[in-house]
C-alpha cells in the first residue's frame, strides 16, 4: 500500500540503500521541505519497504511545470517485487491531477531498465555523481499518459 509519509521517514532507507549507511542527518535533501514537495512510502504489513521523494523543479531547458524524483529506494529483501513501480504509479496519478507536465530524475545506470519500463526516456549520456556512481537523466512526459 502506498501512502504519503514525512521526509524523516525516508532517511533510514536512503542511508541503507542509497548512501552506504551514512548517518541519517547526512541523508536529508535540501528539497525535502520545499513547497510542493511530497514523499511516498510503500508499506507491506506496516513495514516501510520502498520510498521516493518528489519536488517541483524544471528540467534544464524546459520552462513548463516539471517535477523531479529523487531518493527512490527499496529495501533489499523487497526489491524486484513491484513496490517501486507502485510508488511511481501513485506519483503519476498525483502529478497528473495537479497538471504537472513531466517527471524527471537522475537514474542510477543500474535502474535505467526499470525507468524505461515505466515510460521514462533517456535525456542525457551517462555521467558520474561523485560518491554515488554512474547515472542518466531520464524524463517521463505526463501529458501523454
N, C-alpha and C. Protein backbone atom coordinates (compact mmCIF):
# COMPACT_ATOMS: atom_id res chain seq x y z
N UNK A 1 0.84 -1.18 0.00
CA UNK A 1 0.00 0.00 0.00
C UNK A 1 0.89 1.25 0.00
N UNK A 2 0.60 2.17 -0.89
CA UNK A 2 1.35 3.42 -0.98
C UNK A 2 0.61 4.51 -0.23
N UNK A 3 1.38 5.31 0.51
CA UNK A 3 0.79 6.47 1.18
C UNK A 3 1.84 7.57 1.35
N UNK A 4 1.34 8.76 1.62
CA UNK A 4 2.23 9.89 1.87
C UNK A 4 2.93 9.69 3.21
N UNK A 5 4.21 10.06 3.27
CA UNK A 5 4.98 9.97 4.50
C UNK A 5 5.76 11.27 4.69
N UNK A 6 6.30 11.46 5.87
CA UNK A 6 7.16 12.62 6.12
C UNK A 6 8.54 12.36 5.53
N UNK A 7 9.27 13.43 5.29
CA UNK A 7 10.63 13.26 4.77
C UNK A 7 11.51 12.51 5.76
N UNK A 8 11.26 12.68 7.05
CA UNK A 8 12.06 11.98 8.06
C UNK A 8 11.94 10.46 7.94
N UNK A 9 10.79 9.98 7.49
CA UNK A 9 10.59 8.53 7.35
C UNK A 9 11.38 7.95 6.18
N UNK A 10 11.88 8.80 5.29
CA UNK A 10 12.66 8.31 4.14
C UNK A 10 14.12 8.06 4.50
N UNK A 11 14.58 8.65 5.58
CA UNK A 11 16.01 8.70 5.86
C UNK A 11 16.68 7.34 6.06
N UNK A 12 16.02 6.43 6.74
CA UNK A 12 16.63 5.13 7.02
C UNK A 12 16.93 4.38 5.72
N UNK A 13 15.95 4.30 4.82
CA UNK A 13 16.18 3.60 3.55
C UNK A 13 17.15 4.37 2.66
N UNK A 14 17.09 5.69 2.68
CA UNK A 14 18.07 6.47 1.90
C UNK A 14 19.48 6.10 2.34
N UNK A 15 19.69 6.06 3.65
CA UNK A 15 21.01 5.74 4.18
C UNK A 15 21.43 4.32 3.80
N UNK A 16 20.57 3.36 4.10
CA UNK A 16 20.91 1.95 3.89
C UNK A 16 21.11 1.59 2.41
N UNK A 17 20.22 2.06 1.56
CA UNK A 17 20.21 1.60 0.16
C UNK A 17 20.99 2.53 -0.77
N UNK A 18 20.88 3.83 -0.54
CA UNK A 18 21.47 4.78 -1.49
C UNK A 18 22.81 5.35 -1.07
N UNK A 19 23.11 5.35 0.22
CA UNK A 19 24.29 6.08 0.69
C UNK A 19 25.22 5.28 1.58
N UNK A 20 25.24 3.98 1.44
CA UNK A 20 26.19 3.13 2.18
C UNK A 20 26.19 3.36 3.69
N UNK A 21 25.00 3.47 4.25
CA UNK A 21 24.81 3.58 5.70
C UNK A 21 25.45 4.83 6.34
N UNK A 22 25.47 5.93 5.62
CA UNK A 22 25.98 7.16 6.23
C UNK A 22 24.97 7.62 7.29
N UNK A 23 25.37 8.51 8.19
CA UNK A 23 24.43 8.99 9.22
C UNK A 23 23.16 9.57 8.60
N UNK A 24 22.03 9.32 9.26
CA UNK A 24 20.74 9.77 8.74
C UNK A 24 20.71 11.27 8.48
N UNK A 25 21.35 12.05 9.32
CA UNK A 25 21.35 13.50 9.14
C UNK A 25 21.98 13.90 7.81
N UNK A 26 22.88 13.09 7.29
CA UNK A 26 23.52 13.38 6.01
C UNK A 26 22.66 12.94 4.82
N UNK A 27 21.51 12.35 5.08
CA UNK A 27 20.62 11.88 4.01
C UNK A 27 19.46 12.85 3.77
N UNK A 28 19.43 13.94 4.51
CA UNK A 28 18.40 14.95 4.31
C UNK A 28 18.72 15.71 3.02
N UNK A 29 17.74 15.81 2.15
CA UNK A 29 17.92 16.53 0.89
C UNK A 29 17.49 17.99 1.06
N UNK A 30 18.16 18.92 0.42
CA UNK A 30 17.78 20.33 0.54
C UNK A 30 16.37 20.61 0.03
N UNK A 31 15.83 19.71 -0.78
CA UNK A 31 14.50 19.90 -1.34
C UNK A 31 13.39 19.20 -0.55
N UNK A 32 13.73 18.54 0.54
CA UNK A 32 12.75 17.76 1.30
C UNK A 32 11.56 18.57 1.79
N UNK A 33 11.78 19.82 2.11
CA UNK A 33 10.72 20.60 2.74
C UNK A 33 10.25 21.78 1.89
N UNK A 34 10.66 21.84 0.62
CA UNK A 34 10.22 22.97 -0.19
C UNK A 34 8.73 22.85 -0.50
N UNK A 35 8.11 23.96 -0.81
CA UNK A 35 6.69 23.97 -1.13
C UNK A 35 6.43 23.10 -2.35
N UNK A 36 5.45 22.23 -2.23
CA UNK A 36 5.09 21.34 -3.32
C UNK A 36 5.75 19.98 -3.26
N UNK A 37 6.75 19.82 -2.40
CA UNK A 37 7.43 18.53 -2.28
C UNK A 37 6.52 17.53 -1.56
N UNK A 38 6.63 16.27 -1.96
CA UNK A 38 5.93 15.21 -1.24
C UNK A 38 6.77 13.94 -1.27
N UNK A 39 6.51 13.08 -0.30
CA UNK A 39 7.27 11.86 -0.11
C UNK A 39 6.29 10.70 -0.02
N UNK A 40 6.63 9.62 -0.68
CA UNK A 40 5.77 8.45 -0.70
C UNK A 40 6.49 7.25 -0.11
N UNK A 41 5.71 6.40 0.53
CA UNK A 41 6.23 5.15 1.05
C UNK A 41 5.31 4.02 0.66
N UNK A 42 5.90 2.88 0.35
CA UNK A 42 5.12 1.68 0.09
C UNK A 42 5.31 0.76 1.29
N UNK A 43 4.21 0.30 1.83
CA UNK A 43 4.22 -0.50 3.05
C UNK A 43 3.73 -1.92 2.78
N UNK A 44 4.36 -2.87 3.45
CA UNK A 44 3.93 -4.26 3.46
C UNK A 44 3.72 -4.61 4.93
N UNK A 45 2.47 -4.86 5.29
CA UNK A 45 2.13 -5.17 6.69
C UNK A 45 2.76 -4.16 7.65
N UNK A 46 2.54 -2.89 7.40
CA UNK A 46 3.02 -1.77 8.21
C UNK A 46 4.53 -1.58 8.21
N UNK A 47 5.26 -2.32 7.40
CA UNK A 47 6.70 -2.12 7.27
C UNK A 47 6.97 -1.28 6.03
N UNK A 48 7.71 -0.19 6.20
CA UNK A 48 8.08 0.67 5.08
C UNK A 48 9.15 -0.04 4.26
N UNK A 49 8.83 -0.37 3.00
CA UNK A 49 9.75 -1.17 2.19
C UNK A 49 10.31 -0.40 0.99
N UNK A 50 9.67 0.70 0.60
CA UNK A 50 10.12 1.45 -0.56
C UNK A 50 9.74 2.92 -0.38
N UNK A 51 10.61 3.82 -0.85
CA UNK A 51 10.39 5.26 -0.68
C UNK A 51 10.74 6.01 -1.96
N UNK A 52 10.18 7.20 -2.08
CA UNK A 52 10.55 8.12 -3.16
C UNK A 52 10.11 9.51 -2.76
N UNK A 53 10.88 10.50 -3.20
CA UNK A 53 10.57 11.90 -2.94
C UNK A 53 10.41 12.64 -4.25
N UNK A 54 9.50 13.60 -4.28
CA UNK A 54 9.16 14.35 -5.48
C UNK A 54 9.08 15.83 -5.11
N UNK A 55 9.60 16.67 -5.99
CA UNK A 55 9.52 18.11 -5.72
C UNK A 55 9.49 18.88 -7.04
N UNK A 56 8.85 20.05 -7.01
CA UNK A 56 8.79 20.84 -8.24
C UNK A 56 10.16 21.36 -8.63
N UNK A 57 10.57 21.01 -9.84
CA UNK A 57 11.82 21.52 -10.40
C UNK A 57 11.81 21.24 -11.89
N UNK A 58 11.98 22.27 -12.67
CA UNK A 58 12.00 22.11 -14.11
C UNK A 58 13.32 21.51 -14.56
N UNK A 59 13.24 20.69 -15.57
CA UNK A 59 14.42 20.12 -16.19
C UNK A 59 15.08 21.21 -17.04
N UNK A 60 16.39 21.15 -17.15
CA UNK A 60 17.13 22.16 -17.91
C UNK A 60 16.54 22.37 -19.30
N UNK A 61 16.29 23.63 -19.64
CA UNK A 61 15.76 23.97 -20.95
C UNK A 61 14.26 23.84 -21.08
N UNK A 62 13.58 23.36 -20.06
CA UNK A 62 12.12 23.25 -20.09
C UNK A 62 11.55 24.27 -19.10
N UNK A 63 10.56 25.02 -19.54
CA UNK A 63 10.01 26.05 -18.65
C UNK A 63 8.64 25.67 -18.11
N UNK A 64 8.13 24.53 -18.50
CA UNK A 64 6.81 24.12 -18.02
C UNK A 64 6.90 23.47 -16.65
N UNK A 65 5.79 23.09 -16.10
CA UNK A 65 5.73 22.58 -14.73
C UNK A 65 6.24 21.15 -14.61
N UNK A 66 7.48 21.02 -14.20
CA UNK A 66 8.11 19.73 -14.03
C UNK A 66 8.32 19.37 -12.58
N UNK A 67 8.47 18.11 -12.33
CA UNK A 67 8.80 17.58 -11.01
C UNK A 67 10.01 16.69 -11.13
N UNK A 68 10.84 16.69 -10.10
CA UNK A 68 11.97 15.79 -10.06
C UNK A 68 11.72 14.71 -9.02
N UNK A 69 12.05 13.49 -9.39
CA UNK A 69 12.04 12.34 -8.49
C UNK A 69 13.45 12.20 -7.95
N UNK A 70 13.54 12.02 -6.65
CA UNK A 70 14.86 11.87 -6.04
C UNK A 70 14.76 10.92 -4.85
N UNK A 71 15.83 10.23 -4.55
CA UNK A 71 15.90 9.41 -3.35
C UNK A 71 14.98 8.20 -3.37
N UNK A 72 14.83 7.56 -4.51
CA UNK A 72 13.98 6.37 -4.57
C UNK A 72 14.80 5.16 -4.13
N UNK A 73 14.23 4.36 -3.24
CA UNK A 73 14.95 3.20 -2.74
C UNK A 73 13.95 2.14 -2.26
N UNK A 74 14.35 0.89 -2.41
CA UNK A 74 13.56 -0.23 -1.91
C UNK A 74 14.48 -1.12 -1.08
N UNK A 75 13.99 -1.53 0.07
CA UNK A 75 14.77 -2.43 0.94
C UNK A 75 15.18 -3.66 0.14
N UNK A 76 16.41 -4.08 0.32
CA UNK A 76 16.99 -5.17 -0.47
C UNK A 76 16.11 -6.41 -0.49
N UNK A 77 15.60 -6.80 0.65
CA UNK A 77 14.81 -8.04 0.70
C UNK A 77 13.45 -7.93 0.03
N UNK A 78 13.05 -6.69 -0.35
CA UNK A 78 11.77 -6.48 -1.03
C UNK A 78 11.95 -6.04 -2.48
N UNK A 79 13.19 -5.94 -2.93
CA UNK A 79 13.48 -5.46 -4.29
C UNK A 79 12.91 -6.40 -5.34
N UNK A 80 12.58 -5.85 -6.48
CA UNK A 80 12.09 -6.59 -7.65
C UNK A 80 10.76 -7.27 -7.41
N UNK A 81 9.93 -6.67 -6.53
CA UNK A 81 8.60 -7.19 -6.28
C UNK A 81 7.50 -6.20 -6.67
N UNK A 82 7.87 -5.13 -7.37
CA UNK A 82 6.87 -4.18 -7.86
C UNK A 82 6.56 -3.02 -6.95
N UNK A 83 7.23 -2.93 -5.81
CA UNK A 83 6.92 -1.84 -4.87
C UNK A 83 7.36 -0.48 -5.40
N UNK A 84 8.50 -0.43 -6.07
CA UNK A 84 8.94 0.82 -6.68
C UNK A 84 7.99 1.25 -7.79
N UNK A 85 7.51 0.30 -8.57
CA UNK A 85 6.55 0.60 -9.63
C UNK A 85 5.26 1.16 -9.04
N UNK A 86 4.82 0.62 -7.91
CA UNK A 86 3.62 1.14 -7.25
C UNK A 86 3.82 2.61 -6.86
N UNK A 87 5.00 2.93 -6.34
CA UNK A 87 5.29 4.32 -5.97
C UNK A 87 5.22 5.24 -7.19
N UNK A 88 5.84 4.83 -8.28
CA UNK A 88 5.83 5.64 -9.50
C UNK A 88 4.40 5.82 -10.00
N UNK A 89 3.62 4.74 -10.03
CA UNK A 89 2.23 4.84 -10.50
C UNK A 89 1.42 5.80 -9.64
N UNK A 90 1.59 5.72 -8.33
CA UNK A 90 0.87 6.61 -7.41
C UNK A 90 1.29 8.06 -7.65
N UNK A 91 2.59 8.28 -7.80
CA UNK A 91 3.10 9.64 -8.05
C UNK A 91 2.57 10.19 -9.37
N UNK A 92 2.52 9.36 -10.40
CA UNK A 92 2.00 9.81 -11.69
C UNK A 92 0.56 10.27 -11.55
N UNK A 93 -0.24 9.52 -10.80
CA UNK A 93 -1.64 9.93 -10.55
C UNK A 93 -1.70 11.28 -9.86
N UNK A 94 -0.87 11.46 -8.85
CA UNK A 94 -0.85 12.73 -8.12
C UNK A 94 -0.41 13.87 -9.02
N UNK A 95 0.64 13.65 -9.77
CA UNK A 95 1.21 14.71 -10.61
C UNK A 95 0.31 15.08 -11.78
N UNK A 96 -0.33 14.10 -12.39
CA UNK A 96 -1.24 14.43 -13.49
C UNK A 96 -2.46 15.18 -12.98
N UNK A 97 -2.90 14.88 -11.76
CA UNK A 97 -4.03 15.61 -11.17
C UNK A 97 -3.69 17.07 -10.90
N UNK A 98 -2.42 17.37 -10.73
CA UNK A 98 -2.01 18.76 -10.49
C UNK A 98 -1.48 19.42 -11.75
N UNK A 99 -1.67 18.76 -12.90
CA UNK A 99 -1.27 19.28 -14.21
C UNK A 99 0.24 19.44 -14.38
N UNK A 100 1.02 18.64 -13.69
CA UNK A 100 2.46 18.64 -13.95
C UNK A 100 2.67 18.13 -15.38
N UNK A 101 3.64 18.69 -16.07
CA UNK A 101 3.87 18.33 -17.47
C UNK A 101 4.76 17.11 -17.62
N UNK A 102 5.70 16.94 -16.69
CA UNK A 102 6.64 15.84 -16.81
C UNK A 102 7.29 15.55 -15.46
N UNK A 103 7.87 14.38 -15.36
CA UNK A 103 8.62 13.94 -14.19
C UNK A 103 10.00 13.54 -14.69
N UNK A 104 11.04 13.97 -14.00
CA UNK A 104 12.39 13.61 -14.41
C UNK A 104 13.21 13.18 -13.21
N UNK A 105 14.32 12.51 -13.51
CA UNK A 105 15.18 12.03 -12.43
C UNK A 105 16.59 11.82 -12.94
N UNK A 106 17.51 11.72 -12.01
CA UNK A 106 18.86 11.25 -12.27
C UNK A 106 18.83 9.78 -11.87
N UNK A 107 18.72 8.92 -12.87
CA UNK A 107 18.56 7.49 -12.61
C UNK A 107 19.92 6.81 -12.55
N UNK A 108 20.12 6.00 -11.53
CA UNK A 108 21.33 5.18 -11.49
C UNK A 108 21.36 4.32 -12.75
N UNK A 109 22.53 4.13 -13.28
CA UNK A 109 22.66 3.33 -14.51
C UNK A 109 22.04 1.95 -14.34
N UNK A 110 22.15 1.40 -13.15
CA UNK A 110 21.59 0.07 -12.88
C UNK A 110 20.05 0.07 -12.87
N UNK A 111 19.43 1.25 -12.82
CA UNK A 111 17.97 1.34 -12.75
C UNK A 111 17.33 1.81 -14.06
N UNK A 112 18.13 2.03 -15.09
CA UNK A 112 17.60 2.55 -16.36
C UNK A 112 16.50 1.65 -16.92
N UNK A 113 16.68 0.36 -16.87
CA UNK A 113 15.67 -0.56 -17.39
C UNK A 113 14.34 -0.41 -16.65
N UNK A 114 14.40 -0.27 -15.33
CA UNK A 114 13.18 -0.06 -14.53
C UNK A 114 12.45 1.18 -15.02
N UNK A 115 13.16 2.29 -15.15
CA UNK A 115 12.53 3.54 -15.57
C UNK A 115 12.01 3.45 -17.00
N UNK A 116 12.74 2.76 -17.88
CA UNK A 116 12.26 2.56 -19.25
C UNK A 116 10.91 1.85 -19.24
N UNK A 117 10.77 0.83 -18.41
CA UNK A 117 9.51 0.09 -18.33
C UNK A 117 8.36 0.97 -17.87
N UNK A 118 8.67 2.01 -17.09
CA UNK A 118 7.64 2.93 -16.61
C UNK A 118 7.38 4.06 -17.60
N UNK A 119 8.09 4.07 -18.74
CA UNK A 119 7.84 5.06 -19.77
C UNK A 119 8.83 6.21 -19.82
N UNK A 120 9.81 6.22 -18.93
CA UNK A 120 10.83 7.27 -18.94
C UNK A 120 11.74 7.08 -20.16
N UNK A 121 12.25 8.19 -20.68
CA UNK A 121 13.18 8.16 -21.79
C UNK A 121 14.50 8.78 -21.38
N UNK A 122 15.59 8.27 -21.93
CA UNK A 122 16.91 8.85 -21.66
C UNK A 122 16.96 10.28 -22.17
N UNK A 123 17.57 11.17 -21.38
CA UNK A 123 17.70 12.57 -21.77
C UNK A 123 19.15 13.04 -21.71
N UNK A 124 20.07 12.13 -21.42
CA UNK A 124 21.48 12.51 -21.33
C UNK A 124 22.35 11.30 -21.62
N UNK A 125 23.62 11.57 -21.72
CA UNK A 125 24.59 10.48 -21.73
C UNK A 125 24.90 10.16 -20.27
N UNK A 126 25.59 9.06 -20.06
CA UNK A 126 25.93 8.66 -18.70
C UNK A 126 26.89 9.67 -18.07
N UNK A 127 26.66 9.96 -16.79
CA UNK A 127 27.53 10.86 -16.04
C UNK A 127 27.70 10.31 -14.63
N UNK A 128 28.70 10.78 -13.95
CA UNK A 128 29.05 10.29 -12.61
C UNK A 128 28.60 11.30 -11.56
N UNK A 129 27.92 10.82 -10.52
CA UNK A 129 27.65 11.63 -9.34
C UNK A 129 28.66 11.18 -8.30
N UNK A 130 29.50 12.11 -7.90
CA UNK A 130 30.61 11.79 -7.00
C UNK A 130 30.11 11.11 -5.73
N UNK A 131 30.73 10.01 -5.41
CA UNK A 131 30.39 9.28 -4.20
C UNK A 131 29.15 8.40 -4.32
N UNK A 132 28.46 8.49 -5.46
CA UNK A 132 27.22 7.72 -5.64
C UNK A 132 27.35 6.74 -6.81
N UNK A 133 27.87 7.23 -7.95
CA UNK A 133 28.05 6.33 -9.09
C UNK A 133 27.48 6.88 -10.38
N UNK A 134 27.47 6.03 -11.43
CA UNK A 134 27.01 6.46 -12.76
C UNK A 134 25.49 6.61 -12.83
N UNK A 135 25.06 7.65 -13.57
CA UNK A 135 23.65 7.99 -13.71
C UNK A 135 23.33 8.45 -15.13
N UNK A 136 22.04 8.50 -15.42
CA UNK A 136 21.49 9.11 -16.63
C UNK A 136 20.34 10.01 -16.21
N UNK A 137 20.14 11.12 -16.91
CA UNK A 137 18.94 11.91 -16.74
C UNK A 137 17.85 11.23 -17.57
N UNK A 138 16.66 11.10 -16.98
CA UNK A 138 15.54 10.46 -17.67
C UNK A 138 14.29 11.30 -17.44
N UNK A 139 13.41 11.30 -18.45
CA UNK A 139 12.19 12.13 -18.38
C UNK A 139 10.98 11.29 -18.78
N UNK A 140 9.88 11.51 -18.06
CA UNK A 140 8.59 10.92 -18.38
C UNK A 140 7.63 12.06 -18.68
N UNK A 141 7.11 12.09 -19.91
CA UNK A 141 6.14 13.10 -20.31
C UNK A 141 4.78 12.71 -19.74
N UNK A 142 4.23 13.51 -18.83
CA UNK A 142 2.96 13.18 -18.19
C UNK A 142 1.76 13.58 -19.03
N UNK A 143 1.94 14.42 -20.00
CA UNK A 143 0.82 14.89 -20.82
C UNK A 143 0.31 13.81 -21.77
N UNK A 144 1.12 12.79 -22.04
CA UNK A 144 0.68 11.74 -22.95
C UNK A 144 0.07 10.56 -22.21
N UNK A 145 0.13 10.59 -20.88
CA UNK A 145 -0.38 9.46 -20.09
C UNK A 145 -1.89 9.57 -19.93
